[in-house]
Amino acid sequence: MATEALPTEPATPRVPGVAPPGAPRRDREPGRGRRWLLGVWSALAILFLLAPILFMIVFSFNDNQGRFNFEWRGFTLKHWADPFANADLAKALENSLLIGVLSTLVATAMGTLLAIALVRHRFRGRTTTDFFVFLPMASPEVVMGASLLAMFLVLGIGTGFGTILVAHIMFSISYVVVTVKSRLEGMDPHIEEAAKDLGAGEVSTFLRVTLPTIAPGVAAAAVLAFALSIDDYIVTSFNAGQTQTFPLYIFGATKQGVPPQVNVLSTMLLVLVLGLMLLNVVVQRRLAARDKAARA
């Protein structure tokens, strides 16, 4: 008596690099090992990047008795009790903060408007303008510093606080434009068109629709511009004249001895910048959650 053959399930095709269902555990071990190795390598890279910062923070608590704060003498809080004990250092920090705030305000305003013009409008010379916006970012700082100094000398302008401010505004604008442009390119232009269809003018649309939408990008650009201004040395050194900023003071002090207050104030600046970055992230997340709730 003939028997009917039972239907067989089709064989599962073998995909290279993918373990089949029910594969032994040893087939998955190499992938896990690679992930573990990648994690270790990433941790070592982060440690390498953070080592100088950790050194700076730790030695701000060093009980230093000499001119050079390079040897651990014990833990103390006396330098944190009076971080502005050195009058020259305090004045240099004041100059850096004032230049940083002013240059950030001007560069953020000008860079934001320039980014809107490049993304939302079509005009003759747009491609050329876009190229020259990126040029300061691609140029070496020594070239920018020397060219600015030559321009000030030709125009008969004495170097000092004002020339530093102009220089910082010039190299900060490029970073603001790039940051805000990325935010604008991800924004739906139909939102602005809808606002205009409902009767809003150009200014009203910008203030009530465009600016609130790109606000996180503008804030990120402002934080970046402030950080770049605070720590700039090369461009500043060409155009400083008799004005001394925080980086210039530190470089000059290395020849005679760096006071421990430098580590204290540097740690404070680090905490300030990190706090601004964290605040920007929190604001962006809240705005994203609000937009998600509104769409829902």
Protein backbone atom coordinates (compact mmCIF):
# COMPACT_ATOMS: atom_id res chain seq x y z
CA MET A 1 0.00 0.00 0.00
CA ALA A 2 1.50 3.32 -1.06
CA THR A 3 2.05 5.92 1.63
CA GLU A 4 1.64 9.59 1.00
CA ALA A 5 4.78 11.66 1.65
CA LEU A 6 4.43 14.24 4.36
CA PRO A 7 5.01 17.87 3.29
CA THR A 8 8.34 19.23 4.40
CA GLU A 9 9.03 22.81 5.47
CA PRO A 10 11.16 24.81 3.07
CA ALA A 11 14.72 25.22 4.18
CA THR A 12 15.52 28.61 5.70
CA PRO A 13 18.00 30.41 3.45
CA ARG A 14 21.36 31.08 5.02
CA VAL A 15 22.15 34.82 5.26
CA PRO A 16 25.89 35.57 5.52
CA GLY A 17 26.84 37.23 8.80
CA VAL A 18 23.47 36.42 10.47
CA ALA A 19 23.13 33.48 12.85
CA PRO A 20 20.23 31.13 11.98
CA PRO A 21 17.44 30.52 14.50
CA GLY A 22 18.49 28.12 17.21
CA ALA A 23 22.17 28.54 16.46
CA PRO A 24 24.55 27.50 19.23
CA ARG A 25 25.65 30.18 21.67
CA ARG A 26 29.22 30.07 20.43
CA ASP A 27 28.10 31.56 17.07
CA ARG A 28 27.15 34.78 18.85
CA GLU A 29 30.24 35.14 21.01
CA PRO A 30 32.47 36.91 18.43
CA GLY A 31 29.93 39.74 18.03
CA ARG A 32 29.69 40.21 21.78
CA GLY A 33 33.48 40.24 22.07
CA ARG A 34 33.75 42.93 19.44
CA ARG A 35 31.16 45.05 21.23
CA TRP A 36 33.08 44.66 24.49
CA LEU A 37 36.33 45.66 22.80
CA LEU A 38 34.64 48.71 21.24
CA GLY A 39 33.32 49.75 24.64
CA VAL A 40 36.76 49.49 26.24
CA TRP A 41 38.34 51.44 23.40
CA SER A 42 35.70 54.17 23.69
CA ALA A 43 36.25 54.41 27.45
CA LEU A 44 40.01 54.78 26.95
CA ALA A 45 39.46 57.49 24.33
CA ILE A 46 37.14 59.43 26.66
CA LEU A 47 39.65 59.06 29.52
CA PHE A 48 42.41 60.38 27.27
CA LEU A 49 40.30 63.43 26.40
CA LEU A 50 39.26 64.12 30.00
CA ALA A 51 42.66 63.54 31.65
CA PRO A 52 43.87 67.17 31.33
CA ILE A 53 40.56 68.48 32.65
CA LEU A 54 40.68 66.11 35.63
CA PHE A 55 44.25 67.20 36.32
CA MET A 56 43.17 70.85 36.30
CA ILE A 57 40.26 70.23 38.69
CA VAL A 58 42.31 68.15 41.14
CA PHE A 59 45.17 70.67 41.31
CA SER A 60 42.76 73.50 42.05
CA PHE A 61 42.64 71.92 45.54
CA ASN A 62 46.42 71.58 45.82
CA ASP A 63 48.08 73.14 48.88
CA ASN A 64 50.69 74.84 46.75
CA GLN A 65 53.43 76.83 48.49
CA GLY A 66 55.68 77.74 45.56
CA ARG A 67 55.29 79.43 42.21
CA PHE A 68 54.59 76.29 40.19
CA ASN A 69 51.46 74.27 40.85
CA PHE A 70 52.76 71.01 39.36
CA GLU A 71 53.48 68.93 42.46
CA TRP A 72 50.81 67.64 44.86
CA ARG A 73 51.30 69.06 48.37
CA GLY A 74 48.00 68.15 50.00
CA PHE A 75 44.31 69.00 49.90
CA THR A 76 43.10 72.50 50.69
CA LEU A 77 40.16 74.82 50.00
CA LYS A 78 42.01 78.10 50.55
CA HIS A 79 42.33 78.82 46.83
CA TRP A 80 38.59 78.39 46.36
CA ALA A 81 37.93 80.71 49.31
CA ASP A 82 39.51 83.65 47.45
CA PRO A 83 39.80 82.83 43.73
CA PHE A 84 40.28 86.51 42.82
CA ALA A 85 43.24 87.11 45.11
CA ASN A 86 45.45 87.87 42.11
CA ALA A 87 44.32 91.27 40.79
CA ASP A 88 45.93 90.84 37.35
CA LEU A 89 44.32 87.44 36.90
CA ALA A 90 40.92 88.80 37.94
CA LYS A 91 41.22 91.66 35.46
CA ALA A 92 42.20 89.28 32.65
CA LEU A 93 39.19 87.09 33.41
CA GLU A 94 36.93 90.14 33.48
CA ASN A 95 38.17 91.15 30.01
CA SER A 96 37.60 87.64 28.65
CA LEU A 97 34.07 87.42 30.04
CA LEU A 98 33.12 90.87 28.77
CA ILE A 99 34.53 90.20 25.31
CA GLY A 100 32.90 86.77 25.28
CA VAL A 101 29.44 88.10 26.15
CA LEU A 102 29.56 91.04 23.73
CA SER A 103 30.97 89.02 20.84
CA THR A 104 28.43 86.26 21.44
CA LEU A 105 25.49 88.68 21.36
CA VAL A 106 26.64 90.38 18.15
CA ALA A 107 27.78 87.20 16.39
CA THR A 108 24.59 85.32 17.31
CA ALA A 109 22.34 88.11 16.01
CA MET A 110 24.27 88.62 12.77
CA GLY A 111 24.86 84.90 12.18
CA THR A 112 21.20 84.00 12.73
CA LEU A 113 19.98 86.59 10.25
CA LEU A 114 22.61 85.52 7.73
CA ALA A 115 21.61 81.87 8.12
CA ILE A 116 17.95 82.74 7.50
CA ALA A 117 18.91 84.68 4.38
CA LEU A 118 20.97 81.76 3.02
CA VAL A 119 18.29 79.12 3.70
CA ARG A 120 15.01 80.93 3.07
CA HIS A 121 15.91 83.34 0.27
CA ARG A 122 17.40 83.13 -3.21
CA PHE A 123 19.58 86.03 -4.32
CA ARG A 124 22.51 86.69 -6.61
CA GLY A 125 25.80 85.81 -4.94
CA ARG A 126 24.22 83.37 -2.50
CA THR A 127 26.69 80.59 -3.32
CA THR A 128 29.64 82.95 -3.01
CA THR A 129 28.37 84.25 0.32
CA ASP A 130 27.98 80.69 1.57
CA PHE A 131 31.58 79.96 0.55
CA PHE A 132 33.01 82.99 2.34
CA VAL A 133 31.03 82.10 5.48
CA PHE A 134 32.90 78.79 5.67
CA LEU A 135 36.27 80.36 4.83
CA PRO A 136 37.12 81.59 8.38
CA MET A 137 36.44 78.09 9.74
CA ALA A 138 38.79 76.52 7.19
CA SER A 139 41.56 79.11 7.53
CA PRO A 140 44.30 78.64 10.14
CA GLU A 141 43.89 80.95 13.11
CA VAL A 142 47.36 82.39 12.61
CA VAL A 143 46.31 83.54 9.12
CA MET A 144 43.18 85.23 10.45
CA GLY A 145 45.05 86.86 13.32
CA ALA A 146 47.84 88.19 11.11
CA SER A 147 45.45 89.45 8.43
CA LEU A 148 43.32 91.29 11.00
CA LEU A 149 46.41 92.86 12.53
CA ALA A 150 47.57 94.01 9.09
CA MET A 151 44.14 95.52 8.40
CA PHE A 152 44.08 97.41 11.71
CA LEU A 153 47.60 98.75 11.14
CA VAL A 154 46.78 99.93 7.61
CA LEU A 155 43.64 101.69 8.88
CA GLY A 156 45.59 103.24 11.73
CA ILE A 157 43.52 101.55 14.44
CA GLY A 158 45.34 100.87 17.69
CA THR A 159 45.06 97.30 18.94
CA GLY A 160 43.33 96.66 22.24
CA PHE A 161 39.94 95.74 23.65
CA GLY A 162 38.02 96.90 20.57
CA THR A 163 40.16 95.02 18.06
CA ILE A 164 39.90 91.82 20.10
CA LEU A 165 36.11 92.22 20.13
CA VAL A 166 35.97 92.69 16.35
CA ALA A 167 38.22 89.67 15.79
CA HIS A 168 36.11 87.42 18.02
CA ILE A 169 32.90 88.51 16.30
CA MET A 170 34.40 87.72 12.90
CA PHE A 171 35.43 84.13 13.62
CA SER A 172 32.33 83.39 15.72
CA ILE A 173 29.82 84.34 13.02
CA SER A 174 30.78 81.37 10.84
CA TYR A 175 30.05 78.87 13.61
CA VAL A 176 26.73 80.54 14.37
CA VAL A 177 25.69 80.41 10.71
CA VAL A 178 26.55 76.72 10.36
CA THR A 179 24.70 75.78 13.56
CA VAL A 180 21.56 77.79 12.83
CA LYS A 181 21.50 76.67 9.18
CA SER A 182 21.30 73.03 10.22
CA ARG A 183 18.30 73.87 12.40
CA LEU A 184 16.58 75.86 9.66
CA GLU A 185 17.08 73.14 7.04
CA GLY A 186 15.26 70.70 9.31
CA MET A 187 12.33 73.08 9.79
CA ASP A 188 9.23 72.70 7.65
CA PRO A 189 8.85 75.94 5.62
CA HIS A 190 5.13 75.31 5.23
CA ILE A 191 4.67 76.42 8.85
CA GLU A 192 5.87 79.90 7.95
CA GLU A 193 3.75 79.90 4.81
CA ALA A 194 0.67 78.96 6.86
CA ALA A 195 1.33 81.84 9.24
CA LYS A 196 1.54 84.28 6.31
CA ASP A 197 -1.66 82.86 4.81
CA LEU A 198 -3.39 83.58 8.11
CA GLY A 199 -2.41 87.24 7.88
CA ALA A 200 0.89 87.41 9.73
CA GLY A 201 3.49 89.77 8.31
CA GLU A 202 7.19 89.06 7.79
CA VAL A 203 8.22 90.40 11.19
CA SER A 204 5.35 88.72 13.03
CA THR A 205 6.08 85.39 11.33
CA PHE A 206 9.73 85.62 12.28
CA LEU A 207 9.07 86.53 15.91
CA ARG A 208 6.17 84.14 16.56
CA VAL A 209 6.98 81.16 14.33
CA THR A 210 10.51 81.06 12.97
CA LEU A 211 12.47 82.28 15.99
CA PRO A 212 10.73 80.04 18.59
CA THR A 213 11.23 77.03 16.33
CA ILE A 214 14.94 77.60 15.78
CA ALA A 215 15.55 78.86 19.34
CA PRO A 216 17.37 75.66 20.46
CA GLY A 217 19.75 75.98 17.50
CA VAL A 218 20.34 79.66 18.23
CA ALA A 219 21.04 78.86 21.88
CA ALA A 220 23.50 76.12 20.91
CA ALA A 221 25.24 78.52 18.53
CA ALA A 222 25.50 81.15 21.28
CA VAL A 223 27.06 78.67 23.72
CA LEU A 224 29.55 77.59 21.06
CA ALA A 225 30.46 81.19 20.21
CA PHE A 226 30.97 82.03 23.89
CA ALA A 227 33.21 79.00 24.44
CA LEU A 228 35.29 79.83 21.37
CA SER A 229 35.73 83.42 22.52
CA ILE A 230 36.71 82.55 26.08
CA ASP A 231 39.51 80.15 25.16
CA ASP A 232 40.91 81.85 22.04
CA TYR A 233 44.61 82.64 22.20
CA ILE A 234 46.11 82.83 18.69
CA VAL A 235 43.83 85.44 17.10
CA THR A 236 43.71 87.38 20.37
CA SER A 237 47.49 87.49 20.75
CA PHE A 238 47.84 89.24 17.36
CA ASN A 239 45.27 91.95 18.15
CA ALA A 240 45.46 92.39 21.92
CA GLY A 241 47.87 95.28 22.23
CA GLN A 242 48.15 96.04 25.95
CA THR A 243 44.85 94.33 26.79
CA GLN A 244 45.26 91.01 28.56
CA THR A 245 42.70 88.22 28.45
CA PHE A 246 42.53 85.04 30.51
CA PRO A 247 44.36 82.80 27.97
CA LEU A 248 47.04 85.45 27.42
CA TYR A 249 47.61 85.76 31.16
CA ILE A 250 47.98 82.00 31.59
CA PHE A 251 50.50 81.76 28.74
CA GLY A 252 52.55 84.60 30.20
CA ALA A 253 52.37 83.18 33.71
CA THR A 254 53.82 79.81 32.64
CA LYS A 255 57.26 81.44 32.41
CA GLN A 256 57.21 82.74 35.99
CA GLY A 257 54.82 80.36 37.73
CA VAL A 258 51.12 79.67 37.36
CA PRO A 259 49.14 80.57 40.51
CA PRO A 260 46.66 77.96 41.79
CA GLN A 261 43.82 80.43 41.20
CA VAL A 262 44.22 79.72 37.47
CA ASN A 263 43.02 76.16 38.06
CA VAL A 264 40.17 77.42 40.22
CA LEU A 265 38.93 79.97 37.69
CA SER A 266 39.39 77.52 34.81
CA THR A 267 37.25 75.00 36.67
CA MET A 268 34.61 77.67 37.22
CA LEU A 269 34.56 78.49 33.51
CA LEU A 270 34.25 74.80 32.70
CA VAL A 271 31.28 74.44 35.04
CA LEU A 272 29.70 77.58 33.54
CA VAL A 273 29.96 76.30 29.96
CA LEU A 274 28.77 72.81 30.91
CA GLY A 275 25.84 74.37 32.76
CA LEU A 276 24.86 76.39 29.69
CA MET A 277 25.09 73.28 27.52
CA LEU A 278 22.97 71.28 29.96
CA LEU A 279 20.39 74.06 30.12
CA ASN A 280 20.19 74.09 26.33
CA VAL A 281 19.64 70.32 26.24
CA VAL A 282 16.88 70.54 28.85
CA VAL A 283 15.14 73.32 26.94
CA GLN A 284 15.36 71.39 23.67
CA ARG A 285 13.85 68.28 25.26
CA ARG A 286 11.00 70.25 26.78
CA LEU A 287 10.26 71.96 23.47
CA ALA A 288 10.36 68.59 21.68
CA ALA A 289 7.97 67.08 24.24
CA ARG A 290 5.64 70.05 23.90
CA ASP A 291 5.61 69.77 20.11
CA LYS A 292 4.96 66.03 20.32
CA ALA A 293 2.05 66.60 22.70
CA ALA A 294 0.64 69.29 20.42
CA ARG A 295 0.77 66.97 17.39
CA ALA A 296 -0.87 64.20 19.38
